[in-house]
Amino acid sequence: MSGLRMTGRLRSLALVLAAGVFMVVSLSSTAVYATEAAPASVEPQLGIRFNPDGDAGQCGGRTGEQWAASPNWTQAIRFDTDDRPGGCQLAFGVYDPDRVLTGSTITYQLSRSTGGVGQCGNNVLPNKLPILPVPAFGAPVRVDTDGQPGWCNLTFSVTGNLVLEVQLYADGDAGQCEDAAPFTHYAFDGTPVTVKIDTDNRAGGCQFLLRLQHF
């Protein structure tokens, strides 16, 4: 074999990659040993539940339930609540099957602006967003801005090893989503994010997306 002599037992080490599984195989004249690598972890998923409780035209985009695995963006939901009956029920959750976010927290709060009356439902205190190994949502808040004075402030607060990215932008009159600039807001440990929702009878509404990243 090109000047190499074959003597005694054959000893070699080969790295084999097959069907997406990394294996280390030790070959000898007597035995073959294989060790399978640990499976990749499952990324946490951020969930939004968004449903109308009146005129369905006020709550657009991706209604119902959705889940987006980190680091993907959720699909956009759309606020366009005005003087039509009803509003939009909104809740959030994180599905974390591998518990990579253990010790982290997220809270969300929909509160009335100064002078705002009857626009933002009755659940105006901070709500803990569940981070669980099963899909679950926190308590719903109710977005129902209309022609009355004031608006709703939606605030996210975070602790731990994650960043929650928030996008809110207008698809009509920019005054309905005044906190849209800068385009992306970052909530992280000690730095909350608040966006303003003031949709009424002006043209257009507000598009809203989230993304979860962890480190």
N, C-alpha and C. Protein backbone atom coordinates (compact mmCIF):
# COMPACT_ATOMS: atom_id res chain seq x y z
N MET A 1 0.85 -1.19 0.00
CA MET A 1 0.00 0.00 0.00
C MET A 1 0.88 1.24 0.00
N SER A 2 1.45 1.57 -1.18
CA SER A 2 2.30 2.74 -1.35
C SER A 2 3.40 2.81 -0.31
N GLY A 3 4.00 1.68 -0.02
CA GLY A 3 5.12 1.63 0.90
C GLY A 3 4.75 1.46 2.34
N LEU A 4 3.42 1.46 2.68
CA LEU A 4 3.00 1.28 4.07
C LEU A 4 2.78 -0.19 4.34
N ARG A 5 3.25 -0.66 5.48
CA ARG A 5 3.10 -2.07 5.84
C ARG A 5 1.88 -2.24 6.72
N MET A 6 1.06 -3.30 6.48
CA MET A 6 -0.08 -3.66 7.31
C MET A 6 0.40 -4.70 8.31
N THR A 7 0.48 -4.34 9.58
CA THR A 7 0.93 -5.27 10.61
C THR A 7 -0.04 -5.28 11.76
N GLY A 8 -0.29 -6.47 12.39
CA GLY A 8 -1.12 -6.58 13.60
C GLY A 8 -2.54 -6.12 13.35
N ARG A 9 -3.10 -5.48 14.40
CA ARG A 9 -4.50 -5.03 14.35
C ARG A 9 -4.59 -3.66 13.68
N LEU A 10 -5.72 -3.43 13.01
CA LEU A 10 -5.99 -2.14 12.37
C LEU A 10 -6.69 -1.24 13.37
N ARG A 11 -6.08 -0.06 13.61
CA ARG A 11 -6.69 0.90 14.50
C ARG A 11 -6.88 2.22 13.75
N SER A 12 -8.10 2.76 13.78
CA SER A 12 -8.36 4.05 13.12
C SER A 12 -9.53 4.73 13.80
N LEU A 13 -9.60 6.01 13.59
CA LEU A 13 -10.70 6.79 14.14
C LEU A 13 -11.38 7.53 12.99
N ALA A 14 -12.74 7.38 12.84
CA ALA A 14 -13.46 8.01 11.73
C ALA A 14 -14.60 8.84 12.29
N LEU A 15 -14.86 9.94 11.66
CA LEU A 15 -16.01 10.78 12.00
C LEU A 15 -17.08 10.58 10.92
N VAL A 16 -18.24 10.15 11.33
CA VAL A 16 -19.29 9.81 10.38
C VAL A 16 -20.48 10.73 10.61
N LEU A 17 -20.98 11.34 9.56
CA LEU A 17 -22.19 12.17 9.65
C LEU A 17 -23.26 11.53 8.79
N ALA A 18 -24.32 11.00 9.42
CA ALA A 18 -25.35 10.29 8.66
C ALA A 18 -26.71 10.64 9.21
N ALA A 19 -27.65 10.98 8.34
CA ALA A 19 -29.04 11.29 8.70
C ALA A 19 -29.11 12.38 9.74
N GLY A 20 -28.19 13.34 9.66
CA GLY A 20 -28.20 14.46 10.58
C GLY A 20 -27.71 14.12 11.96
N VAL A 21 -27.16 12.94 12.21
CA VAL A 21 -26.68 12.54 13.53
C VAL A 21 -25.17 12.44 13.48
N PHE A 22 -24.48 13.12 14.40
CA PHE A 22 -23.02 13.09 14.46
C PHE A 22 -22.57 11.93 15.34
N MET A 23 -21.73 11.05 14.80
CA MET A 23 -21.30 9.86 15.53
C MET A 23 -19.78 9.77 15.50
N VAL A 24 -19.20 9.30 16.60
CA VAL A 24 -17.78 8.99 16.65
C VAL A 24 -17.64 7.48 16.70
N VAL A 25 -16.95 6.91 15.72
CA VAL A 25 -16.85 5.47 15.59
C VAL A 25 -15.40 5.05 15.77
N SER A 26 -15.12 4.14 16.68
CA SER A 26 -13.78 3.59 16.89
C SER A 26 -13.76 2.18 16.30
N LEU A 27 -12.87 1.97 15.33
CA LEU A 27 -12.80 0.70 14.64
C LEU A 27 -11.58 -0.07 15.13
N SER A 28 -11.75 -1.37 15.40
CA SER A 28 -10.63 -2.24 15.72
C SER A 28 -10.98 -3.63 15.21
N SER A 29 -10.08 -4.58 15.43
CA SER A 29 -10.34 -5.94 14.98
C SER A 29 -11.34 -6.65 15.86
N THR A 30 -11.71 -6.02 16.98
CA THR A 30 -12.57 -6.74 17.91
C THR A 30 -13.93 -6.09 18.16
N ALA A 31 -14.09 -4.72 18.01
CA ALA A 31 -15.34 -4.09 18.39
C ALA A 31 -15.55 -2.79 17.63
N VAL A 32 -16.82 -2.36 17.56
CA VAL A 32 -17.18 -1.07 16.99
C VAL A 32 -18.01 -0.35 18.03
N TYR A 33 -17.64 0.88 18.35
CA TYR A 33 -18.34 1.66 19.36
C TYR A 33 -18.92 2.92 18.69
N ALA A 34 -20.17 3.28 19.02
CA ALA A 34 -20.79 4.48 18.47
C ALA A 34 -21.44 5.28 19.59
N THR A 35 -21.25 6.60 19.56
CA THR A 35 -21.85 7.49 20.54
C THR A 35 -22.65 8.56 19.81
N GLU A 36 -23.96 8.64 20.10
CA GLU A 36 -24.81 9.63 19.45
C GLU A 36 -24.78 10.93 20.23
N ALA A 37 -24.65 12.06 19.52
CA ALA A 37 -24.63 13.36 20.18
C ALA A 37 -26.00 13.69 20.76
N ALA A 38 -26.01 14.56 21.77
CA ALA A 38 -27.27 14.97 22.39
C ALA A 38 -28.13 15.71 21.36
N PRO A 39 -29.47 15.51 21.40
CA PRO A 39 -30.33 16.20 20.43
C PRO A 39 -30.31 17.70 20.65
N ALA A 40 -30.53 18.44 19.56
CA ALA A 40 -30.57 19.89 19.65
C ALA A 40 -31.76 20.33 20.50
N SER A 41 -31.58 21.43 21.23
CA SER A 41 -32.66 21.93 22.06
C SER A 41 -33.75 22.55 21.20
N VAL A 42 -34.96 22.61 21.75
CA VAL A 42 -36.10 23.20 21.07
C VAL A 42 -36.20 24.66 21.49
N GLU A 43 -36.26 25.56 20.53
CA GLU A 43 -36.32 26.98 20.84
C GLU A 43 -37.67 27.34 21.47
N PRO A 44 -37.66 28.29 22.41
CA PRO A 44 -38.94 28.75 22.96
C PRO A 44 -39.78 29.44 21.89
N GLN A 45 -41.08 29.40 22.08
CA GLN A 45 -42.02 29.99 21.12
C GLN A 45 -42.86 31.07 21.81
N LEU A 46 -42.98 32.20 21.14
CA LEU A 46 -43.76 33.32 21.64
C LEU A 46 -45.16 33.25 21.04
N GLY A 47 -46.18 33.34 21.89
CA GLY A 47 -47.56 33.21 21.43
C GLY A 47 -48.35 34.50 21.60
N ILE A 48 -49.26 34.74 20.66
CA ILE A 48 -50.22 35.84 20.74
C ILE A 48 -51.61 35.27 20.50
N ARG A 49 -52.55 35.65 21.35
CA ARG A 49 -53.96 35.33 21.12
C ARG A 49 -54.71 36.64 20.94
N PHE A 50 -55.42 36.79 19.81
CA PHE A 50 -55.99 38.09 19.41
C PHE A 50 -57.34 37.83 18.77
N ASN A 51 -58.40 38.28 19.43
CA ASN A 51 -59.75 38.00 18.95
C ASN A 51 -60.67 39.20 19.16
N PRO A 52 -61.59 39.45 18.24
CA PRO A 52 -62.57 40.51 18.44
C PRO A 52 -63.66 40.07 19.42
N ASP A 53 -64.22 41.04 20.15
CA ASP A 53 -65.40 40.75 20.97
C ASP A 53 -66.59 41.61 20.53
N GLY A 54 -66.54 42.08 19.29
CA GLY A 54 -67.61 42.87 18.72
C GLY A 54 -67.45 42.87 17.21
N ASP A 55 -67.45 44.03 16.59
CA ASP A 55 -67.25 44.16 15.15
C ASP A 55 -65.88 43.61 14.77
N ALA A 56 -65.86 42.54 13.97
CA ALA A 56 -64.60 41.85 13.66
C ALA A 56 -63.65 42.70 12.83
N GLY A 57 -64.16 43.73 12.17
CA GLY A 57 -63.31 44.58 11.35
C GLY A 57 -62.34 45.44 12.14
N GLN A 58 -62.50 45.46 13.47
CA GLN A 58 -61.60 46.28 14.28
C GLN A 58 -60.31 45.55 14.65
N CYS A 59 -60.26 44.25 14.44
CA CYS A 59 -59.12 43.42 14.86
C CYS A 59 -58.68 42.60 13.65
N GLY A 60 -57.67 43.08 12.95
CA GLY A 60 -57.28 42.44 11.69
C GLY A 60 -55.95 41.74 11.77
N GLY A 61 -55.41 41.40 10.59
CA GLY A 61 -54.17 40.65 10.53
C GLY A 61 -54.38 39.22 10.99
N ARG A 62 -53.43 38.69 11.75
CA ARG A 62 -53.45 37.30 12.19
C ARG A 62 -54.26 37.20 13.49
N THR A 63 -55.54 36.90 13.35
CA THR A 63 -56.38 36.73 14.52
C THR A 63 -56.31 35.27 15.00
N GLY A 64 -56.92 35.00 16.16
CA GLY A 64 -56.84 33.68 16.76
C GLY A 64 -55.51 33.51 17.48
N GLU A 65 -55.00 32.27 17.54
CA GLU A 65 -53.74 31.97 18.23
C GLU A 65 -52.61 31.76 17.22
N GLN A 66 -51.44 32.22 17.57
CA GLN A 66 -50.24 31.97 16.77
C GLN A 66 -49.05 31.79 17.70
N TRP A 67 -48.04 31.03 17.20
CA TRP A 67 -46.80 30.78 17.94
C TRP A 67 -45.63 30.95 16.99
N ALA A 68 -44.61 31.70 17.40
CA ALA A 68 -43.42 31.93 16.58
C ALA A 68 -42.19 31.51 17.37
N ALA A 69 -41.42 30.56 16.82
CA ALA A 69 -40.20 30.09 17.49
C ALA A 69 -39.12 31.16 17.42
N SER A 70 -38.42 31.38 18.54
CA SER A 70 -37.29 32.30 18.57
C SER A 70 -36.23 31.85 17.56
N PRO A 71 -35.67 32.78 16.76
CA PRO A 71 -35.80 34.23 16.78
C PRO A 71 -36.72 34.77 15.68
N ASN A 72 -37.78 34.08 15.33
CA ASN A 72 -38.68 34.54 14.27
C ASN A 72 -39.67 35.58 14.80
N TRP A 73 -40.10 36.46 13.91
CA TRP A 73 -41.15 37.42 14.24
C TRP A 73 -42.51 36.73 14.21
N THR A 74 -43.41 37.20 15.05
CA THR A 74 -44.80 36.78 14.92
C THR A 74 -45.38 37.40 13.66
N GLN A 75 -46.49 36.85 13.20
CA GLN A 75 -47.23 37.50 12.14
C GLN A 75 -47.92 38.75 12.71
N ALA A 76 -48.12 39.75 11.86
CA ALA A 76 -48.67 41.02 12.32
C ALA A 76 -50.14 40.87 12.71
N ILE A 77 -50.51 41.51 13.83
CA ILE A 77 -51.90 41.73 14.15
C ILE A 77 -52.17 43.22 13.92
N ARG A 78 -53.45 43.57 13.77
CA ARG A 78 -53.77 44.96 13.39
C ARG A 78 -54.87 45.52 14.28
N PHE A 79 -54.56 46.63 14.95
CA PHE A 79 -55.55 47.35 15.74
C PHE A 79 -56.22 48.41 14.87
N ASP A 80 -57.54 48.42 14.88
CA ASP A 80 -58.29 49.48 14.19
C ASP A 80 -59.60 49.72 14.93
N THR A 81 -59.52 49.78 16.25
CA THR A 81 -60.73 49.98 17.06
C THR A 81 -61.16 51.44 16.98
N ASP A 82 -62.45 51.65 16.76
CA ASP A 82 -63.00 53.00 16.64
C ASP A 82 -64.37 53.01 17.30
N ASP A 83 -65.32 53.71 16.72
CA ASP A 83 -66.63 53.83 17.36
C ASP A 83 -67.56 52.65 17.06
N ARG A 84 -67.08 51.66 16.36
CA ARG A 84 -67.90 50.46 16.15
C ARG A 84 -67.99 49.66 17.46
N PRO A 85 -69.00 48.79 17.58
CA PRO A 85 -69.17 48.05 18.84
C PRO A 85 -67.99 47.11 19.10
N GLY A 86 -67.65 46.97 20.39
CA GLY A 86 -66.65 45.99 20.79
C GLY A 86 -65.23 46.47 20.66
N GLY A 87 -64.30 45.54 20.91
CA GLY A 87 -62.87 45.81 20.84
C GLY A 87 -62.11 44.54 20.53
N CYS A 88 -60.84 44.48 20.95
CA CYS A 88 -59.98 43.34 20.67
C CYS A 88 -59.43 42.77 21.98
N GLN A 89 -59.60 41.47 22.18
CA GLN A 89 -59.03 40.77 23.33
C GLN A 89 -57.61 40.31 22.95
N LEU A 90 -56.64 40.62 23.82
CA LEU A 90 -55.23 40.39 23.50
C LEU A 90 -54.54 39.72 24.69
N ALA A 91 -53.80 38.62 24.43
CA ALA A 91 -53.05 37.93 25.48
C ALA A 91 -51.77 37.35 24.89
N PHE A 92 -50.81 37.03 25.78
CA PHE A 92 -49.50 36.57 25.36
C PHE A 92 -49.05 35.38 26.20
N GLY A 93 -48.13 34.57 25.63
CA GLY A 93 -47.54 33.45 26.37
C GLY A 93 -46.24 33.03 25.72
N VAL A 94 -45.43 32.27 26.45
CA VAL A 94 -44.20 31.67 25.91
C VAL A 94 -44.21 30.18 26.22
N TYR A 95 -44.08 29.39 25.17
CA TYR A 95 -43.97 27.93 25.27
C TYR A 95 -42.49 27.59 25.28
N ASP A 96 -41.99 27.05 26.40
CA ASP A 96 -40.56 26.83 26.61
C ASP A 96 -40.32 25.37 27.01
N PRO A 97 -40.40 24.43 26.05
CA PRO A 97 -40.34 23.00 26.40
C PRO A 97 -39.03 22.57 27.03
N ASP A 98 -37.92 23.21 26.68
CA ASP A 98 -36.63 22.84 27.25
C ASP A 98 -36.22 23.72 28.43
N ARG A 99 -37.10 24.60 28.84
CA ARG A 99 -36.87 25.47 30.01
C ARG A 99 -35.59 26.28 29.90
N VAL A 100 -35.30 26.78 28.72
CA VAL A 100 -34.09 27.59 28.55
C VAL A 100 -34.27 28.99 29.13
N LEU A 101 -35.51 29.39 29.40
CA LEU A 101 -35.77 30.72 29.95
C LEU A 101 -36.08 30.68 31.44
N THR A 102 -35.75 29.58 32.11
CA THR A 102 -36.00 29.47 33.55
C THR A 102 -35.35 30.65 34.28
N GLY A 103 -36.12 31.31 35.11
CA GLY A 103 -35.63 32.47 35.86
C GLY A 103 -35.93 33.79 35.21
N SER A 104 -36.33 33.78 33.94
CA SER A 104 -36.68 35.01 33.24
C SER A 104 -38.18 35.30 33.42
N THR A 105 -38.56 36.56 33.31
CA THR A 105 -39.96 36.95 33.40
C THR A 105 -40.30 37.99 32.34
N ILE A 106 -41.57 38.01 31.93
CA ILE A 106 -42.12 39.06 31.07
C ILE A 106 -43.47 39.45 31.66
N THR A 107 -43.73 40.74 31.78
CA THR A 107 -45.05 41.22 32.13
C THR A 107 -45.57 42.14 31.02
N TYR A 108 -46.89 42.19 30.88
CA TYR A 108 -47.51 43.11 29.92
C TYR A 108 -48.65 43.82 30.62
N GLN A 109 -48.85 45.08 30.24
CA GLN A 109 -49.86 45.92 30.89
C GLN A 109 -50.47 46.85 29.86
N LEU A 110 -51.80 46.89 29.82
CA LEU A 110 -52.53 47.84 28.98
C LEU A 110 -53.19 48.85 29.93
N SER A 111 -52.69 50.07 29.90
CA SER A 111 -53.18 51.08 30.83
C SER A 111 -53.75 52.28 30.08
N ARG A 112 -54.62 53.02 30.74
CA ARG A 112 -55.24 54.20 30.14
C ARG A 112 -54.31 55.40 30.28
N SER A 113 -54.30 56.23 29.25
CA SER A 113 -53.59 57.49 29.35
C SER A 113 -54.33 58.42 30.30
N THR A 114 -53.66 59.49 30.71
CA THR A 114 -54.31 60.50 31.53
C THR A 114 -55.52 61.07 30.78
N GLY A 115 -56.67 61.03 31.40
CA GLY A 115 -57.87 61.52 30.75
C GLY A 115 -58.59 60.49 29.91
N GLY A 116 -58.00 59.32 29.73
CA GLY A 116 -58.65 58.26 28.97
C GLY A 116 -59.74 57.60 29.80
N VAL A 117 -60.91 57.47 29.21
CA VAL A 117 -62.05 56.92 29.94
C VAL A 117 -62.65 55.77 29.13
N GLY A 118 -62.75 54.58 29.75
CA GLY A 118 -63.49 53.48 29.15
C GLY A 118 -62.94 52.92 27.87
N GLN A 119 -61.66 53.14 27.60
CA GLN A 119 -61.12 52.70 26.31
C GLN A 119 -60.30 51.42 26.38
N CYS A 120 -59.80 51.07 27.53
CA CYS A 120 -58.79 50.02 27.61
C CYS A 120 -59.20 48.87 28.52
N GLY A 121 -60.49 48.62 28.64
CA GLY A 121 -60.95 47.50 29.44
C GLY A 121 -60.71 47.72 30.92
N ASN A 122 -60.99 46.67 31.70
CA ASN A 122 -60.85 46.76 33.15
C ASN A 122 -59.56 46.13 33.68
N ASN A 123 -58.87 45.36 32.86
CA ASN A 123 -57.62 44.73 33.30
C ASN A 123 -56.46 45.68 32.99
N VAL A 124 -56.21 46.61 33.90
CA VAL A 124 -55.21 47.65 33.64
C VAL A 124 -53.96 47.49 34.50
N LEU A 125 -53.87 46.43 35.30
CA LEU A 125 -52.69 46.16 36.11
C LEU A 125 -51.72 45.26 35.36
N PRO A 126 -50.43 45.20 35.76
CA PRO A 126 -49.48 44.32 35.07
C PRO A 126 -49.91 42.86 35.14
N ASN A 127 -49.73 42.14 34.03
CA ASN A 127 -50.04 40.71 33.93
C ASN A 127 -48.77 39.93 33.67
N LYS A 128 -48.55 38.87 34.44
CA LYS A 128 -47.38 38.03 34.20
C LYS A 128 -47.64 37.15 32.99
N LEU A 129 -46.74 37.22 32.04
CA LEU A 129 -46.83 36.38 30.85
C LEU A 129 -46.31 34.99 31.22
N PRO A 130 -47.10 33.92 31.05
CA PRO A 130 -46.63 32.59 31.44
C PRO A 130 -45.49 32.11 30.54
N ILE A 131 -44.42 31.62 31.16
CA ILE A 131 -43.31 30.97 30.45
C ILE A 131 -43.27 29.55 30.96
N LEU A 132 -43.85 28.62 30.19
CA LEU A 132 -44.12 27.27 30.67
C LEU A 132 -43.73 26.22 29.63
N PRO A 133 -43.52 24.95 30.06
CA PRO A 133 -43.24 23.88 29.10
C PRO A 133 -44.48 23.37 28.39
N VAL A 134 -45.60 24.04 28.56
CA VAL A 134 -46.83 23.75 27.81
C VAL A 134 -47.35 25.07 27.27
N PRO A 135 -48.04 25.06 26.11
CA PRO A 135 -48.58 26.32 25.57
C PRO A 135 -49.68 26.87 26.48
N ALA A 136 -49.56 28.14 26.87
CA ALA A 136 -50.55 28.77 27.73
C ALA A 136 -50.47 30.29 27.54
N PHE A 137 -51.61 30.95 27.76
CA PHE A 137 -51.67 32.40 27.64
C PHE A 137 -52.01 33.03 28.99
N GLY A 138 -51.54 34.27 29.17
CA GLY A 138 -51.89 35.02 30.35
C GLY A 138 -53.29 35.62 30.24
N ALA A 139 -53.64 36.43 31.24
CA ALA A 139 -54.96 37.05 31.26
C ALA A 139 -55.09 38.03 30.09
N PRO A 140 -56.26 38.09 29.45
CA PRO A 140 -56.43 39.00 28.31
C PRO A 140 -56.59 40.45 28.75
N VAL A 141 -56.06 41.35 27.93
CA VAL A 141 -56.35 42.78 28.05
C VAL A 141 -57.22 43.16 26.86
N ARG A 142 -57.93 44.30 26.98
CA ARG A 142 -58.91 44.67 25.96
C ARG A 142 -58.55 46.02 25.34
N VAL A 143 -58.21 46.00 24.06
CA VAL A 143 -57.92 47.22 23.32
C VAL A 143 -59.23 47.71 22.72
N ASP A 144 -59.68 48.91 23.11
CA ASP A 144 -60.93 49.45 22.59
C ASP A 144 -60.85 50.97 22.53
N THR A 145 -59.87 51.49 21.80
CA THR A 145 -59.78 52.93 21.61
C THR A 145 -60.87 53.36 20.64
N ASP A 146 -61.37 54.57 20.81
CA ASP A 146 -62.44 55.07 19.94
C ASP A 146 -62.32 56.58 19.86
N GLY A 147 -63.43 57.27 19.64
CA GLY A 147 -63.38 58.72 19.47
C GLY A 147 -63.29 59.50 20.77
N GLN A 148 -63.26 58.82 21.90
CA GLN A 148 -63.15 59.53 23.18
C GLN A 148 -61.73 60.03 23.39
N PRO A 149 -61.55 60.99 24.30
CA PRO A 149 -60.20 61.47 24.59
C PRO A 149 -59.33 60.34 25.15
N GLY A 150 -58.04 60.46 24.91
CA GLY A 150 -57.08 59.52 25.47
C GLY A 150 -56.80 58.33 24.58
N TRP A 151 -56.01 57.39 25.13
CA TRP A 151 -55.55 56.23 24.37
C TRP A 151 -55.13 55.13 25.34
N CYS A 152 -54.58 54.04 24.79
CA CYS A 152 -54.09 52.91 25.60
C CYS A 152 -52.58 52.81 25.45
N ASN A 153 -51.89 52.64 26.58
CA ASN A 153 -50.45 52.38 26.57
C ASN A 153 -50.22 50.89 26.82
N LEU A 154 -49.51 50.24 25.91
CA LEU A 154 -49.16 48.82 26.06
C LEU A 154 -47.69 48.74 26.45
N THR A 155 -47.43 48.19 27.65
CA THR A 155 -46.07 48.17 28.21
C THR A 155 -45.61 46.74 28.44
N PHE A 156 -44.35 46.45 28.04
CA PHE A 156 -43.71 45.17 28.30
C PHE A 156 -42.49 45.39 29.18
N SER A 157 -42.37 44.58 30.24
CA SER A 157 -41.20 44.61 31.12
C SER A 157 -40.58 43.22 31.17
N VAL A 158 -39.25 43.16 31.22
CA VAL A 158 -38.52 41.90 31.08
C VAL A 158 -37.46 41.80 32.17
N THR A 159 -37.24 40.61 32.69
CA THR A 159 -36.04 40.31 33.49
C THR A 159 -35.41 39.03 32.96
N GLY A 160 -34.10 38.89 33.17
CA GLY A 160 -33.44 37.64 32.79
C GLY A 160 -32.75 37.70 31.45
N ASN A 161 -32.52 36.51 30.89
CA ASN A 161 -31.64 36.34 29.73
C ASN A 161 -32.40 36.39 28.41
N LEU A 162 -33.22 37.41 28.21
CA LEU A 162 -33.97 37.51 26.97
C LEU A 162 -34.16 38.97 26.58
N VAL A 163 -34.49 39.15 25.30
CA VAL A 163 -34.86 40.45 24.74
C VAL A 163 -36.18 40.26 24.00
N LEU A 164 -37.14 41.14 24.27
CA LEU A 164 -38.41 41.14 23.56
C LEU A 164 -38.42 42.34 22.63
N GLU A 165 -38.49 42.08 21.33
CA GLU A 165 -38.52 43.15 20.34
C GLU A 165 -39.97 43.45 19.95
N VAL A 166 -40.30 44.73 19.89
CA VAL A 166 -41.67 45.18 19.67
C VAL A 166 -41.68 46.11 18.46
N GLN A 167 -42.60 45.85 17.53
CA GLN A 167 -42.81 46.74 16.40
C GLN A 167 -44.26 47.20 16.38
N LEU A 168 -44.46 48.50 16.22
CA LEU A 168 -45.78 49.09 16.04
C LEU A 168 -45.65 50.15 14.97
N TYR A 169 -46.44 50.03 13.90
CA TYR A 169 -46.34 51.03 12.84
C TYR A 169 -47.70 51.25 12.20
N ALA A 170 -47.89 52.47 11.68
CA ALA A 170 -49.17 52.86 11.10
C ALA A 170 -49.27 52.41 9.65
N ASP A 171 -50.49 52.04 9.24
CA ASP A 171 -50.75 51.80 7.82
C ASP A 171 -51.78 52.82 7.30
N GLY A 172 -51.86 53.94 7.98
CA GLY A 172 -52.75 55.04 7.60
C GLY A 172 -52.29 56.28 8.32
N ASP A 173 -53.19 56.96 9.02
CA ASP A 173 -52.86 58.16 9.78
C ASP A 173 -51.86 57.81 10.88
N ALA A 174 -50.66 58.42 10.80
CA ALA A 174 -49.58 58.08 11.73
C ALA A 174 -49.89 58.49 13.16
N GLY A 175 -50.84 59.39 13.37
CA GLY A 175 -51.18 59.83 14.70
C GLY A 175 -51.86 58.76 15.54
N GLN A 176 -52.28 57.66 14.91
CA GLN A 176 -52.93 56.59 15.66
C GLN A 176 -51.93 55.66 16.34
N CYS A 177 -50.67 55.74 15.91
CA CYS A 177 -49.62 54.84 16.43
C CYS A 177 -48.37 55.69 16.64
N GLU A 178 -48.43 56.66 17.53
CA GLU A 178 -47.40 57.69 17.60
C GLU A 178 -46.06 57.20 18.10
N ASP A 179 -46.03 56.08 18.78
CA ASP A 179 -44.76 55.56 19.28
C ASP A 179 -44.13 54.58 18.29
N ALA A 180 -44.46 54.72 17.01
CA ALA A 180 -43.95 53.80 16.01
C ALA A 180 -42.48 54.04 15.69
N ALA A 181 -41.94 55.20 16.01
CA ALA A 181 -40.54 55.49 15.73
C ALA A 181 -39.76 55.49 17.04
N PRO A 182 -38.58 54.85 17.12
CA PRO A 182 -37.98 54.05 16.06
C PRO A 182 -38.79 52.80 15.75
N PHE A 183 -38.53 52.22 14.58
CA PHE A 183 -39.37 51.14 14.08
C PHE A 183 -39.42 49.96 15.03
N THR A 184 -38.29 49.58 15.62
CA THR A 184 -38.23 48.45 16.55
C THR A 184 -37.82 48.94 17.93
N HIS A 185 -38.57 48.50 18.95
CA HIS A 185 -38.28 48.81 20.35
C HIS A 185 -37.76 47.53 21.02
N TYR A 186 -36.84 47.68 21.97
CA TYR A 186 -36.21 46.53 22.61
C TYR A 186 -36.48 46.58 24.11
N ALA A 187 -37.21 45.59 24.62
CA ALA A 187 -37.42 45.44 26.05
C ALA A 187 -36.44 44.41 26.58
N PHE A 188 -35.62 44.79 27.57
CA PHE A 188 -34.68 43.86 28.18
C PHE A 188 -34.59 44.19 29.66
N ASP A 189 -33.78 43.43 30.36
CA ASP A 189 -33.72 43.51 31.81
C ASP A 189 -33.50 44.96 32.27
N GLY A 190 -34.48 45.51 32.99
CA GLY A 190 -34.38 46.87 33.50
C GLY A 190 -34.81 47.96 32.54
N THR A 191 -35.17 47.59 31.29
CA THR A 191 -35.56 48.59 30.28
C THR A 191 -36.88 48.18 29.65
N PRO A 192 -38.01 48.67 30.17
CA PRO A 192 -39.31 48.33 29.60
C PRO A 192 -39.57 49.10 28.31
N VAL A 193 -40.58 48.67 27.58
CA VAL A 193 -41.01 49.33 26.35
C VAL A 193 -42.50 49.62 26.46
N THR A 194 -42.89 50.85 26.10
CA THR A 194 -44.30 51.23 26.04
C THR A 194 -44.62 51.77 24.65
N VAL A 195 -45.69 51.28 24.05
CA VAL A 195 -46.17 51.81 22.78
C VAL A 195 -47.59 52.33 22.96
N LYS A 196 -47.94 53.34 22.18
CA LYS A 196 -49.21 54.05 22.31
C LYS A 196 -50.16 53.61 21.20
N ILE A 197 -51.36 53.18 21.58
CA ILE A 197 -52.40 52.78 20.62
C ILE A 197 -53.55 53.77 20.74
N ASP A 198 -53.84 54.50 19.66
CA ASP A 198 -54.87 55.54 19.70
C ASP A 198 -55.71 55.50 18.42
N THR A 199 -56.09 54.30 18.01
CA THR A 199 -56.90 54.19 16.79
C THR A 199 -58.31 54.71 17.05
N ASP A 200 -58.84 55.43 16.07
CA ASP A 200 -60.20 55.96 16.16
C ASP A 200 -60.79 56.01 14.76
N ASN A 201 -61.50 57.07 14.42
CA ASN A 201 -62.16 57.12 13.12
C ASN A 201 -61.27 57.67 12.01
N ARG A 202 -59.99 57.89 12.28
CA ARG A 202 -59.08 58.29 11.23
C ARG A 202 -58.75 57.11 10.32
N ALA A 203 -58.16 57.40 9.18
CA ALA A 203 -57.87 56.35 8.20
C ALA A 203 -56.78 55.42 8.71
N GLY A 204 -56.95 54.11 8.42
CA GLY A 204 -55.92 53.13 8.72
C GLY A 204 -55.94 52.66 10.16
N GLY A 205 -54.88 51.91 10.52
CA GLY A 205 -54.76 51.35 11.86
C GLY A 205 -53.30 51.15 12.21
N CYS A 206 -53.04 50.27 13.18
CA CYS A 206 -51.69 50.00 13.68
C CYS A 206 -51.35 48.52 13.51
N GLN A 207 -50.22 48.24 12.87
CA GLN A 207 -49.69 46.89 12.74
C GLN A 207 -48.75 46.62 13.91
N PHE A 208 -48.84 45.41 14.47
CA PHE A 208 -48.09 45.09 15.69
C PHE A 208 -47.47 43.71 15.56
N LEU A 209 -46.14 43.60 15.86
CA LEU A 209 -45.41 42.35 15.79
C LEU A 209 -44.48 42.25 16.99
N LEU A 210 -44.11 41.00 17.34
CA LEU A 210 -43.17 40.74 18.43
C LEU A 210 -42.14 39.72 17.98
N ARG A 211 -40.97 39.79 18.63
CA ARG A 211 -39.95 38.75 18.42
C ARG A 211 -39.22 38.51 19.75
N LEU A 212 -38.97 37.24 20.06
CA LEU A 212 -38.29 36.84 21.29
C LEU A 212 -36.89 36.34 20.95
N GLN A 213 -35.87 36.90 21.64
CA GLN A 213 -34.51 36.40 21.50
C GLN A 213 -33.94 36.15 22.90
N HIS A 214 -33.10 35.14 23.04
CA HIS A 214 -32.51 34.84 24.33
C HIS A 214 -31.02 34.59 24.17
N PHE A 215 -30.30 34.66 25.29
CA PHE A 215 -28.84 34.51 25.25
C PHE A 215 -28.36 33.77 26.48
